C-alpha atoms as a PDB file:
ATOM      1  CA  UNK A   1       2.285  -4.740  26.481  1.00  0.00           C
ATOM      2  CA  UNK A   2      -1.262  -4.243  27.504  1.00  0.00           C
ATOM      3  CA  UNK A   3      -0.982  -0.400  26.817  1.00  0.00           C
ATOM      4  CA  UNK A   4       0.384  -1.175  23.439  1.00  0.00           C
ATOM      5  CA  UNK A   5      -2.639  -3.447  22.972  1.00  0.00           C
ATOM      6  CA  UNK A   6      -5.039  -0.726  24.302  1.00  0.00           C
ATOM      7  CA  UNK A   7      -3.690   1.838  22.134  1.00  0.00           C
ATOM      8  CA  UNK A   8      -3.780  -0.188  19.039  1.00  0.00           C
ATOM      9  CA  UNK A   9      -7.335  -1.373  19.805  1.00  0.00           C
ATOM     10  CA  UNK A  10      -8.285   2.216  20.083  1.00  0.00           C
ATOM     11  CA  UNK A  11      -6.602   3.229  16.627  1.00  0.00           C
ATOM     12  CA  UNK A  12      -8.311  -0.137  15.131  1.00  0.00           C
ATOM     13  CA  UNK A  13     -11.774   1.124  16.503  1.00  0.00           C
ATOM     14  CA  UNK A  14     -10.904   4.868  15.140  1.00  0.00           C
ATOM     15  CA  UNK A  15     -10.260   3.543  11.956  1.00  0.00           C
ATOM     16  CA  UNK A  16     -13.403   1.422  11.371  1.00  0.00           C
ATOM     17  CA  UNK A  17     -15.574   4.143  12.849  1.00  0.00           C
ATOM     18  CA  UNK A  18     -13.821   6.726  10.136  1.00  0.00           C
ATOM     19  CA  UNK A  19     -14.459   4.072   7.468  1.00  0.00           C
ATOM     20  CA  UNK A  20     -18.008   3.505   8.327  1.00  0.00           C
ATOM     21  CA  UNK A  21     -19.191   6.353   6.623  1.00  0.00           C
ATOM     22  CA  UNK A  22     -17.322   5.896   3.367  1.00  0.00           C
ATOM     23  CA  UNK A  23     -16.171   2.849   1.165  1.00  0.00           C
ATOM     24  CA  UNK A  24     -14.082  -0.073   2.625  1.00  0.00           C
ATOM     25  CA  UNK A  25     -10.611  -0.473   2.553  1.00  0.00           C
ATOM     26  CA  UNK A  26     -10.179   1.896  -0.270  1.00  0.00           C
ATOM     27  CA  UNK A  27     -11.536   3.791  -3.444  1.00  0.00           C
ATOM     28  CA  UNK A  28     -13.435   1.235  -4.962  1.00  0.00           C
ATOM     29  CA  UNK A  29     -12.281   1.510  -8.145  1.00  0.00           C
ATOM     30  CA  UNK A  30     -12.086  -2.596  -8.794  1.00  0.00           C
ATOM     31  CA  UNK A  31      -8.675  -2.432  -9.717  1.00  0.00           C
ATOM     32  CA  UNK A  32      -7.142  -3.721  -6.421  1.00  0.00           C
ATOM     33  CA  UNK A  33      -7.511  -0.573  -4.378  1.00  0.00           C
ATOM     34  CA  UNK A  34     -10.794  -1.897  -2.479  1.00  0.00           C
ATOM     35  CA  UNK A  35     -14.312  -2.298  -2.714  1.00  0.00           C
ATOM     36  CA  UNK A  36     -17.003   0.485  -2.213  1.00  0.00           C
ATOM     37  CA  UNK A  37     -20.338  -0.368   0.116  1.00  0.00           C
ATOM     38  CA  UNK A  38     -22.077  -0.319  -3.421  1.00  0.00           C
ATOM     39  CA  UNK A  39     -19.675  -3.275  -5.087  1.00  0.00           C
ATOM     40  CA  UNK A  40     -20.067  -5.135  -1.863  1.00  0.00           C
ATOM     41  CA  UNK A  41     -23.768  -5.212  -2.077  1.00  0.00           C
ATOM     42  CA  UNK A  42     -23.572  -5.869  -6.213  1.00  0.00           C
ATOM     43  CA  UNK A  43     -21.237  -8.808  -5.203  1.00  0.00           C
ATOM     44  CA  UNK A  44     -23.535 -10.180  -2.196  1.00  0.00           C
ATOM     45  CA  UNK A  45     -26.621  -9.765  -4.431  1.00  0.00           C
ATOM     46  CA  UNK A  46     -24.664 -11.400  -7.392  1.00  0.00           C
ATOM     47  CA  UNK A  47     -23.929 -14.612  -5.120  1.00  0.00           C
ATOM     48  CA  UNK A  48     -26.986 -14.717  -2.948  1.00  0.00           C
ATOM     49  CA  UNK A  49     -29.727 -13.060  -4.906  1.00  0.00           C
ATOM     50  CA  UNK A  50     -30.867 -15.996  -6.866  1.00  0.00           C
ATOM     51  CA  UNK A  51     -31.364 -18.133  -3.879  1.00  0.00           C
ATOM     52  CA  UNK A  52     -28.468 -20.568  -4.785  1.00  0.00           C
ATOM     53  CA  UNK A  53     -26.237 -20.212  -1.710  1.00  0.00           C
ATOM     54  CA  UNK A  54     -23.189 -22.568  -2.093  1.00  0.00           C
ATOM     55  CA  UNK A  55     -22.217 -24.309   0.734  1.00  0.00           C
ATOM     56  CA  UNK A  56     -18.953 -24.718   3.017  1.00  0.00           C
ATOM     57  CA  UNK A  57     -16.461 -27.033   1.585  1.00  0.00           C
ATOM     58  CA  UNK A  58     -13.396 -28.539   3.201  1.00  0.00           C
ATOM     59  CA  UNK A  59     -10.014 -28.637   1.347  1.00  0.00           C
ATOM     60  CA  UNK A  60      -9.762 -30.599  -1.932  1.00  0.00           C
ATOM     61  CA  UNK A  61      -6.642 -30.740  -3.928  1.00  0.00           C
ATOM     62  CA  UNK A  62      -5.845 -27.247  -2.858  1.00  0.00           C
ATOM     63  CA  UNK A  63      -5.026 -26.016   1.045  1.00  0.00           C
ATOM     64  CA  UNK A  64      -7.206 -23.274   2.619  1.00  0.00           C
ATOM     65  CA  UNK A  65      -5.252 -20.169   3.601  1.00  0.00           C
ATOM     66  CA  UNK A  66      -6.007 -19.627   7.249  1.00  0.00           C
ATOM     67  CA  UNK A  67      -5.777 -15.954   8.489  1.00  0.00           C
ATOM     68  CA  UNK A  68      -5.184 -14.523  12.197  1.00  0.00           C
ATOM     69  CA  UNK A  69      -8.420 -12.478  14.073  1.00  0.00           C
ATOM     70  CA  UNK A  70      -9.255  -9.466  11.872  1.00  0.00           C
ATOM     71  CA  UNK A  71      -6.378  -9.774   9.457  1.00  0.00           C
ATOM     72  CA  UNK A  72      -5.650 -10.370   5.811  1.00  0.00           C
ATOM     73  CA  UNK A  73      -1.837 -10.808   6.227  1.00  0.00           C
ATOM     74  CA  UNK A  74      -0.269 -13.703   4.756  1.00  0.00           C
ATOM     75  CA  UNK A  75       1.401 -15.281   7.743  1.00  0.00           C
ATOM     76  CA  UNK A  76       4.576 -18.232   7.517  1.00  0.00           C
ATOM     77  CA  UNK A  77       2.035 -21.348   7.552  1.00  0.00           C
ATOM     78  CA  UNK A  78      -0.503 -19.374   4.824  1.00  0.00           C
ATOM     79  CA  UNK A  79       2.978 -18.680   2.787  1.00  0.00           C
ATOM     80  CA  UNK A  80       3.799 -22.526   2.584  1.00  0.00           C
ATOM     81  CA  UNK A  81       0.263 -23.102   1.745  1.00  0.00           C
ATOM     82  CA  UNK A  82       0.109 -20.959  -0.868  1.00  0.00           C
ATOM     83  CA  UNK A  83       3.535 -22.346  -2.372  1.00  0.00           C
ATOM     84  CA  UNK A  84       1.878 -25.579  -2.472  1.00  0.00           C
ATOM     85  CA  UNK A  85      -1.097 -24.451  -4.056  1.00  0.00           C
ATOM     86  CA  UNK A  86       0.765 -22.349  -6.594  1.00  0.00           C
ATOM     87  CA  UNK A  87       2.847 -25.670  -7.601  1.00  0.00           C
ATOM     88  CA  UNK A  88      -0.108 -27.525  -8.245  1.00  0.00           C
ATOM     89  CA  UNK A  89      -1.463 -24.398 -10.369  1.00  0.00           C
ATOM     90  CA  UNK A  90       1.719 -24.636 -12.134  1.00  0.00           C
ATOM     91  CA  UNK A  91       1.526 -28.255 -13.030  1.00  0.00           C
ATOM     92  CA  UNK A  92      -2.239 -27.873 -13.737  1.00  0.00           C
ATOM     93  CA  UNK A  93      -1.858 -25.112 -16.370  1.00  0.00           C
ATOM     94  CA  UNK A  94      -5.624 -25.660 -17.311  1.00  0.00           C
ATOM     95  CA  UNK A  95      -7.088 -24.976 -14.120  1.00  0.00           C
ATOM     96  CA  UNK A  96      -9.033 -21.704 -13.212  1.00  0.00           C
ATOM     97  CA  UNK A  97      -9.991 -21.082  -9.707  1.00  0.00           C
ATOM     98  CA  UNK A  98     -12.085 -18.707  -7.715  1.00  0.00           C
ATOM     99  CA  UNK A  99     -10.438 -17.466  -4.485  1.00  0.00           C
ATOM    100  CA  UNK A 100     -13.526 -17.550  -1.951  1.00  0.00           C
ATOM    101  CA  UNK A 101     -12.806 -15.016   1.093  1.00  0.00           C
ATOM    102  CA  UNK A 102     -14.374 -16.081   4.611  1.00  0.00           C
ATOM    103  CA  UNK A 103     -14.453 -14.645   8.101  1.00  0.00           C
ATOM    104  CA  UNK A 104     -15.381 -16.002  11.447  1.00  0.00           C
ATOM    105  CA  UNK A 105     -18.878 -14.392  12.459  1.00  0.00           C
ATOM    106  CA  UNK A 106     -17.506 -11.372  14.733  1.00  0.00           C
ATOM    107  CA  UNK A 107     -17.608  -8.056  12.977  1.00  0.00           C
ATOM    108  CA  UNK A 108     -20.591  -6.691  11.200  1.00  0.00           C
ATOM    109  CA  UNK A 109     -21.730  -8.074   7.710  1.00  0.00           C
ATOM    110  CA  UNK A 110     -20.352  -5.152   5.849  1.00  0.00           C
ATOM    111  CA  UNK A 111     -16.740  -5.369   7.864  1.00  0.00           C
ATOM    112  CA  UNK A 112     -16.483  -9.082   7.108  1.00  0.00           C
ATOM    113  CA  UNK A 113     -17.602  -8.689   3.665  1.00  0.00           C
ATOM    114  CA  UNK A 114     -14.478  -6.226   2.928  1.00  0.00           C
ATOM    115  CA  UNK A 115     -12.438  -8.389   5.047  1.00  0.00           C
ATOM    116  CA  UNK A 116     -13.049 -11.361   2.935  1.00  0.00           C
ATOM    117  CA  UNK A 117     -12.635  -9.667  -0.142  1.00  0.00           C
ATOM    118  CA  UNK A 118      -8.888  -8.049   1.384  1.00  0.00           C
ATOM    119  CA  UNK A 119      -8.078 -12.031   2.184  1.00  0.00           C
ATOM    120  CA  UNK A 120      -8.891 -12.918  -1.259  1.00  0.00           C
ATOM    121  CA  UNK A 121      -7.057 -10.289  -2.882  1.00  0.00           C
ATOM    122  CA  UNK A 122      -4.068 -10.927  -0.683  1.00  0.00           C
ATOM    123  CA  UNK A 123      -3.845 -14.532  -1.908  1.00  0.00           C
ATOM    124  CA  UNK A 124      -4.606 -13.662  -5.396  1.00  0.00           C
ATOM    125  CA  UNK A 125      -1.587 -11.101  -5.210  1.00  0.00           C
ATOM    126  CA  UNK A 126       0.479 -13.757  -3.608  1.00  0.00           C
ATOM    127  CA  UNK A 127      -0.179 -16.329  -6.386  1.00  0.00           C
ATOM    128  CA  UNK A 128       0.384 -13.774  -9.188  1.00  0.00           C
ATOM    129  CA  UNK A 129       4.191 -13.129  -7.529  1.00  0.00           C
ATOM    130  CA  UNK A 130       4.602 -16.751  -7.513  1.00  0.00           C
ATOM    131  CA  UNK A 131       4.031 -16.714 -11.330  1.00  0.00           C
ATOM    132  CA  UNK A 132       0.319 -17.751 -11.655  1.00  0.00           C
ATOM    133  CA  UNK A 133      -1.633 -15.797 -14.646  1.00  0.00           C
ATOM    134  CA  UNK A 134      -4.275 -13.306 -13.027  1.00  0.00           C
ATOM    135  CA  UNK A 135      -6.434 -14.424 -15.911  1.00  0.00           C
ATOM    136  CA  UNK A 136      -6.731 -17.581 -14.116  1.00  0.00           C
ATOM    137  CA  UNK A 137      -7.605 -16.401 -10.629  1.00  0.00           C
ATOM    138  CA  UNK A 138     -11.288 -15.140  -9.801  1.00  0.00           C
ATOM    139  CA  UNK A 139     -12.019 -13.926  -6.390  1.00  0.00           C
ATOM    140  CA  UNK A 140     -15.124 -13.179  -4.054  1.00  0.00           C
ATOM    141  CA  UNK A 141     -16.054 -12.543  -0.647  1.00  0.00           C
ATOM    142  CA  UNK A 142     -18.420 -14.457   1.317  1.00  0.00           C
ATOM    143  CA  UNK A 143     -17.785 -12.775   4.622  1.00  0.00           C
ATOM    144  CA  UNK A 144     -19.297 -14.486   7.573  1.00  0.00           C
ATOM    145  CA  UNK A 145     -22.308 -16.144   5.201  1.00  0.00           C
ATOM    146  CA  UNK A 146     -20.895 -19.856   4.693  1.00  0.00           C
ATOM    147  CA  UNK A 147     -19.129 -20.840   7.590  1.00  0.00           C
ATOM    148  CA  UNK A 148     -16.885 -24.121   7.479  1.00  0.00           C
ATOM    149  CA  UNK A 149     -17.318 -25.013  11.314  1.00  0.00           C
ATOM    150  CA  UNK A 150     -21.001 -23.332  12.506  1.00  0.00           C
ATOM    151  CA  UNK A 151     -19.657 -23.598  16.323  1.00  0.00           C
ATOM    152  CA  UNK A 152     -19.411 -20.501  18.208  1.00  0.00           C
ATOM    153  CA  UNK A 153     -15.878 -20.784  19.774  1.00  0.00           C
ATOM    154  CA  UNK A 154     -12.417 -19.843  18.586  1.00  0.00           C
ATOM    155  CA  UNK A 155     -11.611 -23.279  17.140  1.00  0.00           C
ATOM    156  CA  UNK A 156     -14.305 -22.672  14.837  1.00  0.00           C
ATOM    157  CA  UNK A 157     -13.424 -18.901  13.895  1.00  0.00           C
ATOM    158  CA  UNK A 158     -10.230 -20.296  13.683  1.00  0.00           C
ATOM    159  CA  UNK A 159     -11.539 -22.588  10.813  1.00  0.00           C
ATOM    160  CA  UNK A 160     -13.772 -20.339   9.132  1.00  0.00           C
ATOM    161  CA  UNK A 161     -10.920 -17.370   8.875  1.00  0.00           C
ATOM    162  CA  UNK A 162      -9.786 -18.576   5.129  1.00  0.00           C
ATOM    163  CA  UNK A 163      -9.639 -18.400   1.634  1.00  0.00           C
ATOM    164  CA  UNK A 164     -10.824 -21.496   0.011  1.00  0.00           C
ATOM    165  CA  UNK A 165      -9.792 -22.541  -3.595  1.00  0.00           C
ATOM    166  CA  UNK A 166     -12.776 -23.372  -5.687  1.00  0.00           C
ATOM    167  CA  UNK A 167     -12.135 -24.809  -9.096  1.00  0.00           C
ATOM    168  CA  UNK A 168     -13.924 -23.330 -12.004  1.00  0.00           C
ATOM    169  CA  UNK A 169     -13.705 -23.309 -15.737  1.00  0.00           C
ATOM    170  CA  UNK A 170     -10.813 -24.945 -18.174  1.00  0.00           C
ATOM    171  CA  UNK A 171      -9.227 -21.890 -19.271  1.00  0.00           C
ATOM    172  CA  UNK A 172      -8.639 -23.281 -22.870  1.00  0.00           C
ATOM    173  CA  UNK A 173     -11.813 -24.949 -23.477  1.00  0.00           C
ATOM    174  CA  UNK A 174     -14.451 -23.386 -21.022  1.00  0.00           C
ATOM    175  CA  UNK A 175     -15.267 -26.373 -19.687  1.00  0.00           C
ATOM    176  CA  UNK A 176     -16.060 -27.308 -15.871  1.00  0.00           C
ATOM    177  CA  UNK A 177     -12.990 -29.214 -14.266  1.00  0.00           C
ATOM    178  CA  UNK A 178     -15.402 -31.906 -12.999  1.00  0.00           C
ATOM    179  CA  UNK A 179     -12.334 -34.180 -13.221  1.00  0.00           C
ATOM    180  CA  UNK A 180     -10.615 -32.265 -10.684  1.00  0.00           C
END
């Protein structure tokens, strides 16, 4: 068992090192293949460049989707939460949401931005597969920048590895969904 972990860790490290000189998680074409480093920088600048850094929010009407360490795989618990969120979106057809990808503080800033983007993309794919229109779903990665729990322990890290649903504009009217 330990030798399998050692091999997996070594292969994972080799993958990270090989990706460090090029784009993260794909070609960066913006069509679901991944984000390039320049796209990550532009996305981060767009969210933080004006100085208006959002604060972490806990769950509201939607459940946060949590992930394992260094993963964007949707596990069984996350799938159940996604199904509940898809039902809410089905009942509230005028809602548009932004899927905010978050990570814990371990890993480089660049890696965590890419991982947060992959987490948001995985949640978006699952919601679209459940029948939610992709036009109602935006995504963004905050990486490690906005922790829900600022502590430096495993419990805090688990809370911070998430995709948060942020309610956006009314799709039909272009109005903010303040009542939700």
